[in-house]
Amino acid sequence: MCDSTRHALERAADLIRHNRLVEAMATADEFESAEIRQWPIDHADDFTGEF
């Protein structure tokens, strides 16, 4: 994973933790957007507390 993608993921995670999902999805550029959109789906349990 390139540094810019990792940074975008970290930023998106922080925004999601603050209930700013729409803004989080807008943080990625056209090359990172698919990965940024998939990451919260893959890690939903981190945010909902459900396992």
PDB file of N, CA and C in Angstrom:
ATOM      1  N   MET A   1       0.856  -1.167   0.000  1.00  0.00           N
ATOM      2  CA  MET A   1       0.000   0.000   0.000  1.00  0.00           C
ATOM      3  C   MET A   1       0.905   1.233   0.000  1.00  0.00           C
ATOM      4  N   CYS A   2       0.597   2.156  -0.874  1.00  0.00           N
ATOM      5  CA  CYS A   2       1.426   3.358  -0.941  1.00  0.00           C
ATOM      6  C   CYS A   2       1.079   4.308   0.212  1.00  0.00           C
ATOM      7  N   ASP A   3       2.012   5.197   0.505  1.00  0.00           N
ATOM      8  CA  ASP A   3       1.845   6.108   1.642  1.00  0.00           C
ATOM      9  C   ASP A   3       0.613   6.993   1.514  1.00  0.00           C
ATOM     10  N   SER A   4       0.325   7.452   0.311  1.00  0.00           N
ATOM     11  CA  SER A   4      -0.838   8.333   0.150  1.00  0.00           C
ATOM     12  C   SER A   4      -2.142   7.592   0.437  1.00  0.00           C
ATOM     13  N   THR A   5      -2.212   6.318   0.041  1.00  0.00           N
ATOM     14  CA  THR A   5      -3.405   5.516   0.312  1.00  0.00           C
ATOM     15  C   THR A   5      -3.536   5.263   1.803  1.00  0.00           C
ATOM     16  N   ARG A   6      -2.436   4.927   2.451  1.00  0.00           N
ATOM     17  CA  ARG A   6      -2.453   4.691   3.904  1.00  0.00           C
ATOM     18  C   ARG A   6      -2.905   5.960   4.635  1.00  0.00           C
ATOM     19  N   HIS A   7      -2.406   7.101   4.221  1.00  0.00           N
ATOM     20  CA  HIS A   7      -2.804   8.362   4.844  1.00  0.00           C
ATOM     21  C   HIS A   7      -4.298   8.618   4.626  1.00  0.00           C
ATOM     22  N   ALA A   8      -4.772   8.383   3.425  1.00  0.00           N
ATOM     23  CA  ALA A   8      -6.192   8.581   3.126  1.00  0.00           C
ATOM     24  C   ALA A   8      -7.057   7.645   3.961  1.00  0.00           C
ATOM     25  N   LEU A   9      -6.621   6.408   4.139  1.00  0.00           N
ATOM     26  CA  LEU A   9      -7.366   5.458   4.968  1.00  0.00           C
ATOM     27  C   LEU A   9      -7.404   5.909   6.426  1.00  0.00           C
ATOM     28  N   GLU A  10      -6.270   6.375   6.930  1.00  0.00           N
ATOM     29  CA  GLU A  10      -6.229   6.854   8.316  1.00  0.00           C
ATOM     30  C   GLU A  10      -7.146   8.057   8.494  1.00  0.00           C
ATOM     31  N   ARG A  11      -7.142   8.959   7.527  1.00  0.00           N
ATOM     32  CA  ARG A  11      -8.006  10.139   7.596  1.00  0.00           C
ATOM     33  C   ARG A  11      -9.473   9.725   7.537  1.00  0.00           C
ATOM     34  N   ALA A  12      -9.798   8.800   6.636  1.00  0.00           N
ATOM     35  CA  ALA A  12     -11.176   8.326   6.515  1.00  0.00           C
ATOM     36  C   ALA A  12     -11.633   7.660   7.811  1.00  0.00           C
ATOM     37  N   ALA A  13     -10.774   6.851   8.415  1.00  0.00           N
ATOM     38  CA  ALA A  13     -11.130   6.180   9.671  1.00  0.00           C
ATOM     39  C   ALA A  13     -11.408   7.202  10.759  1.00  0.00           C
ATOM     40  N   ASP A  14     -10.580   8.234  10.836  1.00  0.00           N
ATOM     41  CA  ASP A  14     -10.795   9.273  11.838  1.00  0.00           C
ATOM     42  C   ASP A  14     -12.125   9.984  11.607  1.00  0.00           C
ATOM     43  N   LEU A  15     -12.439  10.296  10.378  1.00  0.00           N
ATOM     44  CA  LEU A  15     -13.704  10.954  10.067  1.00  0.00           C
ATOM     45  C   LEU A  15     -14.890  10.061  10.403  1.00  0.00           C
ATOM     46  N   ILE A  16     -14.775   8.774  10.098  1.00  0.00           N
ATOM     47  CA  ILE A  16     -15.860   7.836  10.381  1.00  0.00           C
ATOM     48  C   ILE A  16     -16.086   7.740  11.891  1.00  0.00           C
ATOM     49  N   ARG A  17     -15.007   7.728  12.662  1.00  0.00           N
ATOM     50  CA  ARG A  17     -15.140   7.681  14.119  1.00  0.00           C
ATOM     51  C   ARG A  17     -15.893   8.895  14.654  1.00  0.00           C
ATOM     52  N   HIS A  18     -15.885   9.968  13.888  1.00  0.00           N
ATOM     53  CA  HIS A  18     -16.574  11.193  14.285  1.00  0.00           C
ATOM     54  C   HIS A  18     -17.889  11.365  13.515  1.00  0.00           C
ATOM     55  N   ASN A  19     -18.441  10.233  13.053  1.00  0.00           N
ATOM     56  CA  ASN A  19     -19.734  10.220  12.351  1.00  0.00           C
ATOM     57  C   ASN A  19     -19.753  11.117  11.118  1.00  0.00           C
ATOM     58  N   ARG A  20     -18.663  11.121  10.381  1.00  0.00           N
ATOM     59  CA  ARG A  20     -18.563  11.935   9.173  1.00  0.00           C
ATOM     60  C   ARG A  20     -18.264  11.038   7.972  1.00  0.00           C
ATOM     61  N   LEU A  21     -19.124  10.042   7.773  1.00  0.00           N
ATOM     62  CA  LEU A  21     -18.925   9.037   6.728  1.00  0.00           C
ATOM     63  C   LEU A  21     -18.865   9.644   5.334  1.00  0.00           C
ATOM     64  N   VAL A  22     -19.767  10.543   5.024  1.00  0.00           N
ATOM     65  CA  VAL A  22     -19.802  11.125   3.678  1.00  0.00           C
ATOM     66  C   VAL A  22     -18.498  11.855   3.387  1.00  0.00           C
ATOM     67  N   GLU A  23     -18.027  12.622   4.340  1.00  0.00           N
ATOM     68  CA  GLU A  23     -16.764  13.330   4.158  1.00  0.00           C
ATOM     69  C   GLU A  23     -15.604  12.340   4.036  1.00  0.00           C
ATOM     70  N   ALA A  24     -15.664  11.256   4.793  1.00  0.00           N
ATOM     71  CA  ALA A  24     -14.615  10.242   4.728  1.00  0.00           C
ATOM     72  C   ALA A  24     -14.529   9.631   3.336  1.00  0.00           C
ATOM     73  N   MET A  25     -15.676   9.400   2.725  1.00  0.00           N
ATOM     74  CA  MET A  25     -15.686   8.802   1.397  1.00  0.00           C
ATOM     75  C   MET A  25     -15.153   9.769   0.334  1.00  0.00           C
ATOM     76  N   ALA A  26     -15.161  11.041   0.645  1.00  0.00           N
ATOM     77  CA  ALA A  26     -14.708  12.049  -0.309  1.00  0.00           C
ATOM     78  C   ALA A  26     -13.219  12.362  -0.164  1.00  0.00           C
ATOM     79  N   THR A  27     -12.523  11.712   0.761  1.00  0.00           N
ATOM     80  CA  THR A  27     -11.123  12.048   1.010  1.00  0.00           C
ATOM     81  C   THR A  27     -10.174  11.475  -0.037  1.00  0.00           C
ATOM     82  N   ALA A  28     -10.589  10.477  -0.753  1.00  0.00           N
ATOM     83  CA  ALA A  28      -9.695   9.777  -1.678  1.00  0.00           C
ATOM     84  C   ALA A  28      -9.733  10.377  -3.073  1.00  0.00           C
ATOM     85  N   ASP A  29      -8.613  10.227  -3.752  1.00  0.00           N
ATOM     86  CA  ASP A  29      -8.596  10.641  -5.146  1.00  0.00           C
ATOM     87  C   ASP A  29      -9.139   9.507  -6.008  1.00  0.00           C
ATOM     88  N   GLU A  30      -9.148   9.696  -7.304  1.00  0.00           N
ATOM     89  CA  GLU A  30      -9.762   8.699  -8.191  1.00  0.00           C
ATOM     90  C   GLU A  30      -9.066   7.345  -8.138  1.00  0.00           C
ATOM     91  N   PHE A  31      -7.777   7.311  -7.795  1.00  0.00           N
ATOM     92  CA  PHE A  31      -7.050   6.053  -7.752  1.00  0.00           C
ATOM     93  C   PHE A  31      -7.257   5.310  -6.435  1.00  0.00           C
ATOM     94  N   GLU A  32      -7.526   6.045  -5.388  1.00  0.00           N
ATOM     95  CA  GLU A  32      -7.686   5.444  -4.067  1.00  0.00           C
ATOM     96  C   GLU A  32      -9.133   5.198  -3.690  1.00  0.00           C
ATOM     97  N   SER A  33     -10.065   5.764  -4.407  1.00  0.00           N
ATOM     98  CA  SER A  33     -11.459   5.774  -3.978  1.00  0.00           C
ATOM     99  C   SER A  33     -12.047   4.386  -3.753  1.00  0.00           C
ATOM    100  N   ALA A  34     -11.751   3.431  -4.604  1.00  0.00           N
ATOM    101  CA  ALA A  34     -12.306   2.084  -4.430  1.00  0.00           C
ATOM    102  C   ALA A  34     -11.820   1.468  -3.121  1.00  0.00           C
ATOM    103  N   GLU A  35     -10.542   1.622  -2.835  1.00  0.00           N
ATOM    104  CA  GLU A  35      -9.989   1.057  -1.604  1.00  0.00           C
ATOM    105  C   GLU A  35     -10.540   1.782  -0.376  1.00  0.00           C
ATOM    106  N   ILE A  36     -10.702   3.099  -0.472  1.00  0.00           N
ATOM    107  CA  ILE A  36     -11.248   3.868   0.641  1.00  0.00           C
ATOM    108  C   ILE A  36     -12.695   3.463   0.900  1.00  0.00           C
ATOM    109  N   ARG A  37     -13.474   3.243  -0.150  1.00  0.00           N
ATOM    110  CA  ARG A  37     -14.869   2.823   0.022  1.00  0.00           C
ATOM    111  C   ARG A  37     -14.966   1.430   0.613  1.00  0.00           C
ATOM    112  N   GLN A  38     -14.056   0.533   0.249  1.00  0.00           N
ATOM    113  CA  GLN A  38     -14.110  -0.848   0.719  1.00  0.00           C
ATOM    114  C   GLN A  38     -13.633  -0.981   2.161  1.00  0.00           C
ATOM    115  N   TRP A  39     -12.702  -0.163   2.583  1.00  0.00           N
ATOM    116  CA  TRP A  39     -12.106  -0.301   3.907  1.00  0.00           C
ATOM    117  C   TRP A  39     -13.135  -0.232   5.028  1.00  0.00           C
ATOM    118  N   PRO A  40     -14.032   0.759   5.062  1.00  0.00           N
ATOM    119  CA  PRO A  40     -15.030   0.781   6.153  1.00  0.00           C
ATOM    120  C   PRO A  40     -15.942  -0.443   6.146  1.00  0.00           C
ATOM    121  N   ILE A  41     -16.233  -0.958   4.986  1.00  0.00           N
ATOM    122  CA  ILE A  41     -17.062  -2.159   4.890  1.00  0.00           C
ATOM    123  C   ILE A  41     -16.331  -3.336   5.526  1.00  0.00           C
ATOM    124  N   ASP A  42     -15.058  -3.460   5.206  1.00  0.00           N
ATOM    125  CA  ASP A  42     -14.265  -4.570   5.746  1.00  0.00           C
ATOM    126  C   ASP A  42     -14.037  -4.446   7.246  1.00  0.00           C
ATOM    127  N   HIS A  43     -14.102  -3.226   7.774  1.00  0.00           N
ATOM    128  CA  HIS A  43     -13.799  -2.989   9.187  1.00  0.00           C
ATOM    129  C   HIS A  43     -15.002  -2.448   9.961  1.00  0.00           C
ATOM    130  N   ALA A  44     -16.190  -2.763   9.531  1.00  0.00           N
ATOM    131  CA  ALA A  44     -17.398  -2.250  10.178  1.00  0.00           C
ATOM    132  C   ALA A  44     -17.445  -2.592  11.656  1.00  0.00           C
ATOM    133  N   ASP A  45     -16.964  -3.772  12.032  1.00  0.00           N
ATOM    134  CA  ASP A  45     -16.979  -4.169  13.441  1.00  0.00           C
ATOM    135  C   ASP A  45     -16.136  -3.236  14.310  1.00  0.00           C
ATOM    136  N   ASP A  46     -15.123  -2.615  13.734  1.00  0.00           N
ATOM    137  CA  ASP A  46     -14.296  -1.676  14.486  1.00  0.00           C
ATOM    138  C   ASP A  46     -15.100  -0.466  14.930  1.00  0.00           C
ATOM    139  N   PHE A  47     -16.132  -0.140  14.175  1.00  0.00           N
ATOM    140  CA  PHE A  47     -16.908   1.071  14.429  1.00  0.00           C
ATOM    141  C   PHE A  47     -18.229   0.792  15.132  1.00  0.00           C
ATOM    142  N   THR A  48     -18.774  -0.398  14.951  1.00  0.00           N
ATOM    143  CA  THR A  48     -20.072  -0.706  15.536  1.00  0.00           C
ATOM    144  C   THR A  48     -19.948  -1.430  16.874  1.00  0.00           C
ATOM    145  N   GLY A  49     -18.796  -2.010  17.125  1.00  0.00           N
ATOM    146  CA  GLY A  49     -18.614  -2.775  18.351  1.00  0.00           C
ATOM    147  C   GLY A  49     -19.208  -4.163  18.274  1.00  0.00           C
ATOM    148  N   GLU A  50     -19.703  -4.543  17.082  1.00  0.00           N
ATOM    149  CA  GLU A  50     -20.276  -5.872  16.885  1.00  0.00           C
ATOM    150  C   GLU A  50     -19.206  -6.805  16.343  1.00  0.00           C
ATOM    151  N   PHE A  51     -19.197  -8.022  16.876  1.00  0.00           N
ATOM    152  CA  PHE A  51     -18.191  -8.990  16.432  1.00  0.00           C
ATOM    153  C   PHE A  51     -18.813 -10.254  15.970  1.00  0.00           C
TER     154      PHE A  51
END
